[in-house]
Amino acid sequence: MIRTKSQDAAFQAIVEASGSKLIADAPIAKGGGSNGFGPHELLEAAIAACLNMSVRMLAADRNLKVSEVRSS
């Protein structure tokens, strides 16, 4: 389960899942402090991580050796 908690800084939030935490914040141009991942960056990161893991799982299922998977 993803949990968020707003912080005193404008638009900043702590995001927590499975014992890990990160800071989300709006960019300065939008009134935030740019002190963490922006909401759109978090969405992009989730998709990129899913694709990365999917490629590695598929390679493992087919006994293919993959030393590194990158996306940008």
N, C-alpha and C. Protein backbone atom coordinates (compact mmCIF):
# COMPACT_ATOMS: atom_id res chain seq x y z
N MET A 1 0.83 -1.16 0.00
CA MET A 1 0.00 0.00 0.00
C MET A 1 0.89 1.24 0.00
N ILE A 2 0.55 2.20 -0.83
CA ILE A 2 1.26 3.47 -0.89
C ILE A 2 0.59 4.43 0.08
N ARG A 3 1.40 5.09 0.89
CA ARG A 3 0.88 6.09 1.82
C ARG A 3 1.62 7.40 1.58
N THR A 4 0.92 8.50 1.71
CA THR A 4 1.55 9.82 1.61
C THR A 4 1.18 10.66 2.82
N LYS A 5 2.08 11.56 3.16
CA LYS A 5 1.84 12.48 4.27
C LYS A 5 2.37 13.84 3.87
N SER A 6 1.51 14.83 3.90
CA SER A 6 1.94 16.17 3.53
C SER A 6 2.95 16.70 4.54
N GLN A 7 3.81 17.58 4.06
CA GLN A 7 4.84 18.19 4.89
C GLN A 7 4.55 19.68 5.02
N ASP A 8 5.30 20.36 5.87
CA ASP A 8 5.09 21.80 6.07
C ASP A 8 5.42 22.60 4.82
N ALA A 9 6.41 22.16 4.05
CA ALA A 9 6.78 22.87 2.82
C ALA A 9 5.64 22.72 1.80
N ALA A 10 5.40 23.79 1.06
CA ALA A 10 4.30 23.79 0.09
C ALA A 10 4.44 22.64 -0.89
N PHE A 11 3.41 21.83 -1.01
CA PHE A 11 3.29 20.73 -1.97
C PHE A 11 4.23 19.55 -1.74
N GLN A 12 5.05 19.60 -0.72
CA GLN A 12 5.96 18.48 -0.45
C GLN A 12 5.22 17.38 0.30
N ALA A 13 5.53 16.14 -0.02
CA ALA A 13 4.92 14.99 0.65
C ALA A 13 5.94 13.88 0.80
N ILE A 14 5.79 13.11 1.86
CA ILE A 14 6.57 11.89 2.04
C ILE A 14 5.72 10.75 1.48
N VAL A 15 6.31 9.94 0.64
CA VAL A 15 5.64 8.79 0.06
C VAL A 15 6.30 7.55 0.67
N GLU A 16 5.47 6.64 1.17
CA GLU A 16 6.01 5.45 1.83
C GLU A 16 5.34 4.19 1.29
N ALA A 17 6.16 3.17 1.08
CA ALA A 17 5.66 1.87 0.63
C ALA A 17 6.63 0.79 1.09
N SER A 18 6.12 -0.23 1.70
CA SER A 18 6.93 -1.38 2.12
C SER A 18 8.16 -0.99 2.92
N GLY A 19 8.05 0.00 3.76
CA GLY A 19 9.15 0.43 4.61
C GLY A 19 10.14 1.39 3.95
N SER A 20 9.97 1.67 2.67
CA SER A 20 10.83 2.63 1.98
C SER A 20 10.12 3.97 1.88
N LYS A 21 10.91 5.05 1.92
CA LYS A 21 10.33 6.39 1.85
C LYS A 21 11.05 7.23 0.80
N LEU A 22 10.31 8.17 0.21
CA LEU A 22 10.91 9.16 -0.68
C LEU A 22 10.14 10.46 -0.55
N ILE A 23 10.73 11.53 -1.04
CA ILE A 23 10.10 12.84 -1.01
C ILE A 23 9.56 13.15 -2.38
N ALA A 24 8.32 13.60 -2.42
CA ALA A 24 7.72 14.11 -3.65
C ALA A 24 7.51 15.61 -3.44
N ASP A 25 7.75 16.37 -4.47
CA ASP A 25 7.61 17.82 -4.38
C ASP A 25 7.33 18.39 -5.76
N ALA A 26 6.64 19.48 -5.79
CA ALA A 26 6.39 20.18 -7.05
C ALA A 26 7.62 21.00 -7.42
N PRO A 27 7.80 21.27 -8.70
CA PRO A 27 8.93 22.12 -9.10
C PRO A 27 8.73 23.56 -8.63
N ILE A 28 9.81 24.30 -8.57
CA ILE A 28 9.75 25.70 -8.13
C ILE A 28 8.77 26.49 -8.99
N ALA A 29 8.77 26.25 -10.29
CA ALA A 29 7.88 26.98 -11.21
C ALA A 29 6.41 26.76 -10.88
N LYS A 30 6.10 25.68 -10.17
CA LYS A 30 4.71 25.37 -9.81
C LYS A 30 4.42 25.66 -8.34
N GLY A 31 5.36 26.32 -7.66
CA GLY A 31 5.14 26.70 -6.27
C GLY A 31 5.75 25.76 -5.24
N GLY A 32 6.43 24.73 -5.69
CA GLY A 32 7.08 23.80 -4.78
C GLY A 32 8.53 24.19 -4.55
N GLY A 33 9.27 23.29 -3.95
CA GLY A 33 10.67 23.56 -3.67
C GLY A 33 11.64 22.73 -4.48
N SER A 34 11.13 21.87 -5.35
CA SER A 34 11.97 20.96 -6.14
C SER A 34 12.91 20.14 -5.27
N ASN A 35 12.41 19.70 -4.11
CA ASN A 35 13.23 18.93 -3.17
C ASN A 35 12.97 17.44 -3.24
N GLY A 36 12.36 16.99 -4.30
CA GLY A 36 12.10 15.57 -4.44
C GLY A 36 11.57 15.28 -5.83
N PHE A 37 11.16 14.05 -6.05
CA PHE A 37 10.60 13.68 -7.34
C PHE A 37 9.28 14.42 -7.56
N GLY A 38 9.08 14.89 -8.78
CA GLY A 38 7.81 15.47 -9.16
C GLY A 38 6.81 14.35 -9.44
N PRO A 39 5.51 14.64 -9.33
CA PRO A 39 4.51 13.60 -9.57
C PRO A 39 4.65 12.92 -10.93
N HIS A 40 4.93 13.68 -11.98
CA HIS A 40 5.08 13.07 -13.30
C HIS A 40 6.33 12.20 -13.37
N GLU A 41 7.38 12.61 -12.66
CA GLU A 41 8.60 11.79 -12.63
C GLU A 41 8.34 10.45 -11.93
N LEU A 42 7.49 10.47 -10.91
CA LEU A 42 7.17 9.22 -10.22
C LEU A 42 6.40 8.27 -11.12
N LEU A 43 5.48 8.81 -11.91
CA LEU A 43 4.75 7.97 -12.87
C LEU A 43 5.69 7.38 -13.91
N GLU A 44 6.58 8.22 -14.44
CA GLU A 44 7.54 7.74 -15.43
C GLU A 44 8.48 6.71 -14.83
N ALA A 45 8.89 6.92 -13.58
CA ALA A 45 9.78 5.97 -12.91
C ALA A 45 9.09 4.63 -12.70
N ALA A 46 7.81 4.66 -12.35
CA ALA A 46 7.07 3.41 -12.15
C ALA A 46 6.99 2.62 -13.45
N ILE A 47 6.72 3.29 -14.55
CA ILE A 47 6.63 2.60 -15.84
C ILE A 47 8.00 2.06 -16.25
N ALA A 48 9.04 2.88 -16.08
CA ALA A 48 10.39 2.44 -16.45
C ALA A 48 10.83 1.25 -15.60
N ALA A 49 10.56 1.28 -14.31
CA ALA A 49 10.94 0.17 -13.43
C ALA A 49 10.18 -1.10 -13.81
N CYS A 50 8.91 -0.96 -14.13
CA CYS A 50 8.10 -2.11 -14.54
C CYS A 50 8.65 -2.73 -15.82
N LEU A 51 8.98 -1.90 -16.79
CA LEU A 51 9.54 -2.41 -18.04
C LEU A 51 10.89 -3.09 -17.80
N ASN A 52 11.72 -2.47 -16.99
CA ASN A 52 13.04 -3.03 -16.69
C ASN A 52 12.90 -4.41 -16.06
N MET A 53 12.05 -4.51 -15.05
CA MET A 53 11.87 -5.80 -14.37
C MET A 53 11.23 -6.83 -15.29
N SER A 54 10.29 -6.40 -16.13
CA SER A 54 9.63 -7.32 -17.05
C SER A 54 10.62 -7.93 -18.04
N VAL A 55 11.51 -7.11 -18.58
CA VAL A 55 12.52 -7.62 -19.51
C VAL A 55 13.42 -8.63 -18.81
N ARG A 56 13.83 -8.30 -17.58
CA ARG A 56 14.71 -9.21 -16.85
C ARG A 56 14.01 -10.50 -16.47
N MET A 57 12.74 -10.42 -16.10
CA MET A 57 11.98 -11.64 -15.77
C MET A 57 11.80 -12.53 -17.00
N LEU A 58 11.50 -11.89 -18.13
CA LEU A 58 11.33 -12.64 -19.37
C LEU A 58 12.64 -13.33 -19.76
N ALA A 59 13.74 -12.59 -19.63
CA ALA A 59 15.05 -13.18 -19.94
C ALA A 59 15.34 -14.36 -19.00
N ALA A 60 15.05 -14.20 -17.72
CA ALA A 60 15.29 -15.28 -16.76
C ALA A 60 14.43 -16.50 -17.08
N ASP A 61 13.17 -16.27 -17.45
CA ASP A 61 12.28 -17.39 -17.81
C ASP A 61 12.78 -18.16 -19.02
N ARG A 62 13.50 -17.48 -19.89
CA ARG A 62 14.01 -18.12 -21.11
C ARG A 62 15.48 -18.48 -21.01
N ASN A 63 16.02 -18.39 -19.79
CA ASN A 63 17.43 -18.71 -19.53
C ASN A 63 18.38 -17.90 -20.39
N LEU A 64 18.05 -16.65 -20.62
CA LEU A 64 18.91 -15.74 -21.36
C LEU A 64 19.71 -14.91 -20.37
N LYS A 65 21.01 -14.82 -20.59
CA LYS A 65 21.85 -14.02 -19.72
C LYS A 65 21.78 -12.56 -20.14
N VAL A 66 21.35 -11.72 -19.24
CA VAL A 66 21.26 -10.28 -19.48
C VAL A 66 22.08 -9.60 -18.39
N SER A 67 23.11 -8.87 -18.75
CA SER A 67 23.96 -8.26 -17.75
C SER A 67 23.40 -6.93 -17.25
N GLU A 68 22.66 -6.24 -18.10
CA GLU A 68 22.14 -4.94 -17.68
C GLU A 68 20.98 -4.54 -18.59
N VAL A 69 19.97 -3.93 -18.01
CA VAL A 69 18.84 -3.40 -18.76
C VAL A 69 18.71 -1.93 -18.40
N ARG A 70 18.66 -1.08 -19.41
CA ARG A 70 18.52 0.36 -19.20
C ARG A 70 17.37 0.92 -20.02
N SER A 71 16.80 1.99 -19.54
CA SER A 71 15.81 2.72 -20.33
C SER A 71 16.02 4.20 -20.08
N SER A 72 15.57 5.00 -21.00
CA SER A 72 15.67 6.46 -20.83
C SER A 72 14.58 7.14 -21.62
